[in-house]
Amino acid sequence: MQETVLGNMVYRIYDLRELSPDVRVAIEQAAIGSAARETGKPENQVGRYFSDRKQIFVVYDIGLARTTEGDQM
């Protein structure tokens, strides 16, 4: 996985070229689940997600997580 953070935005790329279809699906689900946990949002609200069967791109705003944590304190 490659990760880049620019401001509050996180860009993650997962390389899938050598993986079987079952493993690809599992990694796609894990990638979205990880972003959901970091933001405290449901998986269908974490941000943008793209897959071209070679790579998965996950983009989300970690500022949401910081705001949520701050509100709970």
PDB file of N, CA and C in Angstrom:
ATOM      1  N   MET A   1       0.844  -1.174   0.000  1.00  0.00           N
ATOM      2  CA  MET A   1       0.000   0.000   0.000  1.00  0.00           C
ATOM      3  C   MET A   1       0.890   1.236   0.000  1.00  0.00           C
ATOM      4  N   GLN A   2       0.512   2.203  -0.804  1.00  0.00           N
ATOM      5  CA  GLN A   2       1.154   3.513  -0.781  1.00  0.00           C
ATOM      6  C   GLN A   2       0.149   4.491  -0.202  1.00  0.00           C
ATOM      7  N   GLU A   3       0.619   5.358   0.679  1.00  0.00           N
ATOM      8  CA  GLU A   3      -0.283   6.342   1.282  1.00  0.00           C
ATOM      9  C   GLU A   3       0.334   7.720   1.183  1.00  0.00           C
ATOM     10  N   THR A   4      -0.484   8.685   0.802  1.00  0.00           N
ATOM     11  CA  THR A   4      -0.073  10.080   0.753  1.00  0.00           C
ATOM     12  C   THR A   4      -1.109  10.890   1.516  1.00  0.00           C
ATOM     13  N   VAL A   5      -0.645  11.790   2.373  1.00  0.00           N
ATOM     14  CA  VAL A   5      -1.548  12.667   3.111  1.00  0.00           C
ATOM     15  C   VAL A   5      -1.268  14.095   2.665  1.00  0.00           C
ATOM     16  N   LEU A   6      -2.305  14.756   2.165  1.00  0.00           N
ATOM     17  CA  LEU A   6      -2.203  16.157   1.766  1.00  0.00           C
ATOM     18  C   LEU A   6      -3.262  16.922   2.531  1.00  0.00           C
ATOM     19  N   GLY A   7      -2.841  17.697   3.514  1.00  0.00           N
ATOM     20  CA  GLY A   7      -3.805  18.373   4.374  1.00  0.00           C
ATOM     21  C   GLY A   7      -4.604  17.343   5.139  1.00  0.00           C
ATOM     22  N   ASN A   8      -5.923  17.410   5.027  1.00  0.00           N
ATOM     23  CA  ASN A   8      -6.793  16.431   5.681  1.00  0.00           C
ATOM     24  C   ASN A   8      -7.115  15.240   4.796  1.00  0.00           C
ATOM     25  N   MET A   9      -6.665  15.253   3.547  1.00  0.00           N
ATOM     26  CA  MET A   9      -7.028  14.182   2.618  1.00  0.00           C
ATOM     27  C   MET A   9      -5.984  13.070   2.634  1.00  0.00           C
ATOM     28  N   VAL A  10      -6.478  11.829   2.672  1.00  0.00           N
ATOM     29  CA  VAL A  10      -5.611  10.656   2.616  1.00  0.00           C
ATOM     30  C   VAL A  10      -5.857   9.961   1.282  1.00  0.00           C
ATOM     31  N   TYR A  11      -4.776   9.656   0.567  1.00  0.00           N
ATOM     32  CA  TYR A  11      -4.849   8.941  -0.703  1.00  0.00           C
ATOM     33  C   TYR A  11      -4.104   7.629  -0.522  1.00  0.00           C
ATOM     34  N   ARG A  12      -4.788   6.507  -0.695  1.00  0.00           N
ATOM     35  CA  ARG A  12      -4.158   5.198  -0.546  1.00  0.00           C
ATOM     36  C   ARG A  12      -4.295   4.419  -1.845  1.00  0.00           C
ATOM     37  N   ILE A  13      -3.224   3.743  -2.230  1.00  0.00           N
ATOM     38  CA  ILE A  13      -3.244   2.888  -3.414  1.00  0.00           C
ATOM     39  C   ILE A  13      -2.797   1.492  -2.989  1.00  0.00           C
ATOM     40  N   TYR A  14      -3.619   0.500  -3.284  1.00  0.00           N
ATOM     41  CA  TYR A  14      -3.315  -0.896  -2.994  1.00  0.00           C
ATOM     42  C   TYR A  14      -3.044  -1.596  -4.323  1.00  0.00           C
ATOM     43  N   ASP A  15      -1.900  -2.261  -4.445  1.00  0.00           N
ATOM     44  CA  ASP A  15      -1.530  -2.955  -5.675  1.00  0.00           C
ATOM     45  C   ASP A  15      -2.111  -4.366  -5.659  1.00  0.00           C
ATOM     46  N   LEU A  16      -2.861  -4.731  -6.694  1.00  0.00           N
ATOM     47  CA  LEU A  16      -3.573  -6.012  -6.737  1.00  0.00           C
ATOM     48  C   LEU A  16      -3.128  -6.932  -7.861  1.00  0.00           C
ATOM     49  N   ARG A  17      -2.136  -6.548  -8.613  1.00  0.00           N
ATOM     50  CA  ARG A  17      -1.810  -7.281  -9.838  1.00  0.00           C
ATOM     51  C   ARG A  17      -1.583  -8.772  -9.644  1.00  0.00           C
ATOM     52  N   GLU A  18      -0.930  -9.169  -8.579  1.00  0.00           N
ATOM     53  CA  GLU A  18      -0.570 -10.573  -8.400  1.00  0.00           C
ATOM     54  C   GLU A  18      -1.556 -11.341  -7.528  1.00  0.00           C
ATOM     55  N   LEU A  19      -2.698 -10.781  -7.227  1.00  0.00           N
ATOM     56  CA  LEU A  19      -3.615 -11.406  -6.278  1.00  0.00           C
ATOM     57  C   LEU A  19      -4.792 -12.085  -6.975  1.00  0.00           C
ATOM     58  N   SER A  20      -5.318 -13.100  -6.323  1.00  0.00           N
ATOM     59  CA  SER A  20      -6.493 -13.798  -6.846  1.00  0.00           C
ATOM     60  C   SER A  20      -7.735 -12.925  -6.657  1.00  0.00           C
ATOM     61  N   PRO A  21      -8.818 -13.195  -7.398  1.00  0.00           N
ATOM     62  CA  PRO A  21     -10.046 -12.400  -7.261  1.00  0.00           C
ATOM     63  C   PRO A  21     -10.603 -12.386  -5.835  1.00  0.00           C
ATOM     64  N   ASP A  22     -10.543 -13.519  -5.131  1.00  0.00           N
ATOM     65  CA  ASP A  22     -11.059 -13.563  -3.749  1.00  0.00           C
ATOM     66  C   ASP A  22     -10.292 -12.606  -2.851  1.00  0.00           C
ATOM     67  N   VAL A  23      -8.972 -12.613  -3.014  1.00  0.00           N
ATOM     68  CA  VAL A  23      -8.134 -11.755  -2.178  1.00  0.00           C
ATOM     69  C   VAL A  23      -8.363 -10.297  -2.539  1.00  0.00           C
ATOM     70  N   ARG A  24      -8.560 -10.009  -3.819  1.00  0.00           N
ATOM     71  CA  ARG A  24      -8.847  -8.633  -4.247  1.00  0.00           C
ATOM     72  C   ARG A  24     -10.087  -8.096  -3.555  1.00  0.00           C
ATOM     73  N   VAL A  25     -11.148  -8.896  -3.541  1.00  0.00           N
ATOM     74  CA  VAL A  25     -12.397  -8.467  -2.910  1.00  0.00           C
ATOM     75  C   VAL A  25     -12.179  -8.229  -1.421  1.00  0.00           C
ATOM     76  N   ALA A  26     -11.433  -9.120  -0.776  1.00  0.00           N
ATOM     77  CA  ALA A  26     -11.159  -8.963   0.660  1.00  0.00           C
ATOM     78  C   ALA A  26     -10.379  -7.680   0.927  1.00  0.00           C
ATOM     79  N   ILE A  27      -9.404  -7.371   0.076  1.00  0.00           N
ATOM     80  CA  ILE A  27      -8.613  -6.153   0.265  1.00  0.00           C
ATOM     81  C   ILE A  27      -9.471  -4.920   0.004  1.00  0.00           C
ATOM     82  N   GLU A  28     -10.341  -4.975  -0.998  1.00  0.00           N
ATOM     83  CA  GLU A  28     -11.243  -3.850  -1.252  1.00  0.00           C
ATOM     84  C   GLU A  28     -12.103  -3.574  -0.021  1.00  0.00           C
ATOM     85  N   GLN A  29     -12.659  -4.618   0.563  1.00  0.00           N
ATOM     86  CA  GLN A  29     -13.506  -4.452   1.747  1.00  0.00           C
ATOM     87  C   GLN A  29     -12.696  -3.933   2.932  1.00  0.00           C
ATOM     88  N   ALA A  30     -11.484  -4.458   3.102  1.00  0.00           N
ATOM     89  CA  ALA A  30     -10.632  -4.011   4.206  1.00  0.00           C
ATOM     90  C   ALA A  30     -10.216  -2.551   4.031  1.00  0.00           C
ATOM     91  N   ALA A  31      -9.931  -2.148   2.798  1.00  0.00           N
ATOM     92  CA  ALA A  31      -9.523  -0.765   2.532  1.00  0.00           C
ATOM     93  C   ALA A  31     -10.631   0.208   2.904  1.00  0.00           C
ATOM     94  N   ILE A  32     -11.852  -0.111   2.513  1.00  0.00           N
ATOM     95  CA  ILE A  32     -12.984   0.747   2.844  1.00  0.00           C
ATOM     96  C   ILE A  32     -13.266   0.705   4.343  1.00  0.00           C
ATOM     97  N   GLY A  33     -13.178  -0.472   4.941  1.00  0.00           N
ATOM     98  CA  GLY A  33     -13.405  -0.607   6.385  1.00  0.00           C
ATOM     99  C   GLY A  33     -12.405   0.193   7.191  1.00  0.00           C
ATOM    100  N   SER A  34     -11.151   0.181   6.762  1.00  0.00           N
ATOM    101  CA  SER A  34     -10.103   0.935   7.447  1.00  0.00           C
ATOM    102  C   SER A  34     -10.390   2.435   7.388  1.00  0.00           C
ATOM    103  N   ALA A  35     -10.767   2.918   6.217  1.00  0.00           N
ATOM    104  CA  ALA A  35     -11.099   4.340   6.074  1.00  0.00           C
ATOM    105  C   ALA A  35     -12.313   4.689   6.930  1.00  0.00           C
ATOM    106  N   ALA A  36     -13.284   3.795   6.993  1.00  0.00           N
ATOM    107  CA  ALA A  36     -14.487   4.042   7.800  1.00  0.00           C
ATOM    108  C   ALA A  36     -14.133   4.145   9.279  1.00  0.00           C
ATOM    109  N   ARG A  37     -13.278   3.263   9.759  1.00  0.00           N
ATOM    110  CA  ARG A  37     -12.873   3.317  11.173  1.00  0.00           C
ATOM    111  C   ARG A  37     -12.129   4.610  11.482  1.00  0.00           C
ATOM    112  N   GLU A  38     -11.257   5.034  10.574  1.00  0.00           N
ATOM    113  CA  GLU A  38     -10.481   6.249  10.815  1.00  0.00           C
ATOM    114  C   GLU A  38     -11.358   7.496  10.838  1.00  0.00           C
ATOM    115  N   THR A  39     -12.420   7.506  10.052  1.00  0.00           N
ATOM    116  CA  THR A  39     -13.284   8.685   9.996  1.00  0.00           C
ATOM    117  C   THR A  39     -14.471   8.596  10.935  1.00  0.00           C
ATOM    118  N   GLY A  40     -14.781   7.387  11.413  1.00  0.00           N
ATOM    119  CA  GLY A  40     -15.953   7.205  12.259  1.00  0.00           C
ATOM    120  C   GLY A  40     -17.256   7.265  11.476  1.00  0.00           C
ATOM    121  N   LYS A  41     -17.163   7.129  10.165  1.00  0.00           N
ATOM    122  CA  LYS A  41     -18.336   7.182   9.284  1.00  0.00           C
ATOM    123  C   LYS A  41     -18.683   5.775   8.803  1.00  0.00           C
ATOM    124  N   PRO A  42     -19.937   5.554   8.370  1.00  0.00           N
ATOM    125  CA  PRO A  42     -20.288   4.278   7.748  1.00  0.00           C
ATOM    126  C   PRO A  42     -19.473   4.066   6.469  1.00  0.00           C
ATOM    127  N   GLU A  43     -19.285   2.807   6.091  1.00  0.00           N
ATOM    128  CA  GLU A  43     -18.460   2.500   4.922  1.00  0.00           C
ATOM    129  C   GLU A  43     -18.954   3.176   3.648  1.00  0.00           C
ATOM    130  N   ASN A  44     -20.261   3.362   3.509  1.00  0.00           N
ATOM    131  CA  ASN A  44     -20.766   3.986   2.280  1.00  0.00           C
ATOM    132  C   ASN A  44     -20.594   5.503   2.281  1.00  0.00           C
ATOM    133  N   GLN A  45     -19.981   6.063   3.330  1.00  0.00           N
ATOM    134  CA  GLN A  45     -19.773   7.511   3.402  1.00  0.00           C
ATOM    135  C   GLN A  45     -18.312   7.907   3.583  1.00  0.00           C
ATOM    136  N   VAL A  46     -17.379   6.976   3.400  1.00  0.00           N
ATOM    137  CA  VAL A  46     -15.989   7.322   3.691  1.00  0.00           C
ATOM    138  C   VAL A  46     -15.339   8.200   2.640  1.00  0.00           C
ATOM    139  N   GLY A  47     -15.823   8.204   1.440  1.00  0.00           N
ATOM    140  CA  GLY A  47     -15.189   9.017   0.423  1.00  0.00           C
ATOM    141  C   GLY A  47     -15.230   8.309  -0.907  1.00  0.00           C
ATOM    142  N   ARG A  48     -14.263   8.581  -1.741  1.00  0.00           N
ATOM    143  CA  ARG A  48     -14.259   8.016  -3.079  1.00  0.00           C
ATOM    144  C   ARG A  48     -13.428   6.746  -3.116  1.00  0.00           C
ATOM    145  N   TYR A  49     -13.853   5.835  -3.952  1.00  0.00           N
ATOM    146  CA  TYR A  49     -13.191   4.548  -4.057  1.00  0.00           C
ATOM    147  C   TYR A  49     -13.226   4.119  -5.519  1.00  0.00           C
ATOM    148  N   PHE A  50     -12.086   3.730  -6.058  1.00  0.00           N
ATOM    149  CA  PHE A  50     -12.010   3.308  -7.454  1.00  0.00           C
ATOM    150  C   PHE A  50     -11.203   2.019  -7.517  1.00  0.00           C
ATOM    151  N   SER A  51     -11.587   1.114  -8.384  1.00  0.00           N
ATOM    152  CA  SER A  51     -10.811  -0.107  -8.575  1.00  0.00           C
ATOM    153  C   SER A  51     -10.741  -0.393 -10.068  1.00  0.00           C
ATOM    154  N   ASP A  52      -9.545  -0.653 -10.570  1.00  0.00           N
ATOM    155  CA  ASP A  52      -9.397  -1.003 -11.991  1.00  0.00           C
ATOM    156  C   ASP A  52      -8.894  -2.438 -12.135  1.00  0.00           C
ATOM    157  N   ARG A  53      -9.069  -3.251 -11.118  1.00  0.00           N
ATOM    158  CA  ARG A  53      -8.644  -4.649 -11.029  1.00  0.00           C
ATOM    159  C   ARG A  53      -7.134  -4.799 -10.900  1.00  0.00           C
ATOM    160  N   LYS A  54      -6.393  -3.730 -11.051  1.00  0.00           N
ATOM    161  CA  LYS A  54      -4.955  -3.770 -10.822  1.00  0.00           C
ATOM    162  C   LYS A  54      -4.603  -3.033  -9.543  1.00  0.00           C
ATOM    163  N   GLN A  55      -5.367  -1.995  -9.254  1.00  0.00           N
ATOM    164  CA  GLN A  55      -5.122  -1.197  -8.061  1.00  0.00           C
ATOM    165  C   GLN A  55      -6.451  -0.732  -7.485  1.00  0.00           C
ATOM    166  N   ILE A  56      -6.444  -0.468  -6.183  1.00  0.00           N
ATOM    167  CA  ILE A  56      -7.601   0.149  -5.534  1.00  0.00           C
ATOM    168  C   ILE A  56      -7.143   1.523  -5.075  1.00  0.00           C
ATOM    169  N   PHE A  57      -7.945   2.528  -5.333  1.00  0.00           N
ATOM    170  CA  PHE A  57      -7.663   3.879  -4.881  1.00  0.00           C
ATOM    171  C   PHE A  57      -8.729   4.258  -3.860  1.00  0.00           C
ATOM    172  N   VAL A  58      -8.312   4.648  -2.678  1.00  0.00           N
ATOM    173  CA  VAL A  58      -9.243   5.077  -1.644  1.00  0.00           C
ATOM    174  C   VAL A  58      -8.860   6.495  -1.246  1.00  0.00           C
ATOM    175  N   VAL A  59      -9.814   7.412  -1.280  1.00  0.00           N
ATOM    176  CA  VAL A  59      -9.568   8.806  -0.925  1.00  0.00           C
ATOM    177  C   VAL A  59     -10.602   9.211   0.111  1.00  0.00           C
ATOM    178  N   TYR A  60     -10.130   9.765   1.233  1.00  0.00           N
ATOM    179  CA  TYR A  60     -11.090  10.219   2.242  1.00  0.00           C
ATOM    180  C   TYR A  60     -10.488  11.343   3.067  1.00  0.00           C
ATOM    181  N   ASP A  61     -11.336  12.005   3.824  1.00  0.00           N
ATOM    182  CA  ASP A  61     -10.954  13.191   4.590  1.00  0.00           C
ATOM    183  C   ASP A  61     -10.791  12.818   6.059  1.00  0.00           C
ATOM    184  N   ILE A  62      -9.550  12.823   6.575  1.00  0.00           N
ATOM    185  CA  ILE A  62      -9.338  12.486   7.985  1.00  0.00           C
ATOM    186  C   ILE A  62      -9.737  13.636   8.892  1.00  0.00           C
ATOM    187  N   GLY A  63     -10.002  14.795   8.313  1.00  0.00           N
ATOM    188  CA  GLY A  63     -10.489  15.917   9.106  1.00  0.00           C
ATOM    189  C   GLY A  63     -11.825  15.593   9.759  1.00  0.00           C
ATOM    190  N   LEU A  64     -12.623  14.748   9.116  1.00  0.00           N
ATOM    191  CA  LEU A  64     -13.899  14.332   9.695  1.00  0.00           C
ATOM    192  C   LEU A  64     -13.665  13.598  11.010  1.00  0.00           C
ATOM    193  N   ALA A  65     -12.658  12.743  11.052  1.00  0.00           N
ATOM    194  CA  ALA A  65     -12.360  11.976  12.265  1.00  0.00           C
ATOM    195  C   ALA A  65     -11.908  12.919  13.375  1.00  0.00           C
ATOM    196  N   ARG A  66     -11.071  13.869  13.018  1.00  0.00           N
ATOM    197  CA  ARG A  66     -10.574  14.808  14.030  1.00  0.00           C
ATOM    198  C   ARG A  66     -11.721  15.640  14.594  1.00  0.00           C
ATOM    199  N   THR A  67     -12.620  16.086  13.732  1.00  0.00           N
ATOM    200  CA  THR A  67     -13.766  16.878  14.179  1.00  0.00           C
ATOM    201  C   THR A  67     -14.668  16.054  15.085  1.00  0.00           C
ATOM    202  N   THR A  68     -14.937  14.811  14.698  1.00  0.00           N
ATOM    203  CA  THR A  68     -15.806  13.935  15.490  1.00  0.00           C
ATOM    204  C   THR A  68     -15.197  13.684  16.859  1.00  0.00           C
ATOM    205  N   GLU A  69     -13.893  13.385  16.900  1.00  0.00           N
ATOM    206  CA  GLU A  69     -13.238  13.128  18.180  1.00  0.00           C
ATOM    207  C   GLU A  69     -13.281  14.369  19.060  1.00  0.00           C
ATOM    208  N   GLY A  70     -13.061  15.530  18.467  1.00  0.00           N
ATOM    209  CA  GLY A  70     -13.087  16.766  19.239  1.00  0.00           C
ATOM    210  C   GLY A  70     -14.457  17.056  19.817  1.00  0.00           C
ATOM    211  N   ASP A  71     -15.505  16.737  19.060  1.00  0.00           N
ATOM    212  CA  ASP A  71     -16.868  16.974  19.535  1.00  0.00           C
ATOM    213  C   ASP A  71     -17.236  16.067  20.697  1.00  0.00           C
ATOM    214  N   GLN A  72     -16.650  14.871  20.744  1.00  0.00           N
ATOM    215  CA  GLN A  72     -16.997  13.917  21.791  1.00  0.00           C
ATOM    216  C   GLN A  72     -16.320  14.236  23.115  1.00  0.00           C
ATOM    217  N   MET A  73     -15.251  15.024  23.086  1.00  0.00           N
ATOM    218  CA  MET A  73     -14.490  15.288  24.309  1.00  0.00           C
ATOM    219  C   MET A  73     -15.175  16.269  25.200  1.00  0.00           C
TER     220      MET A  73
END
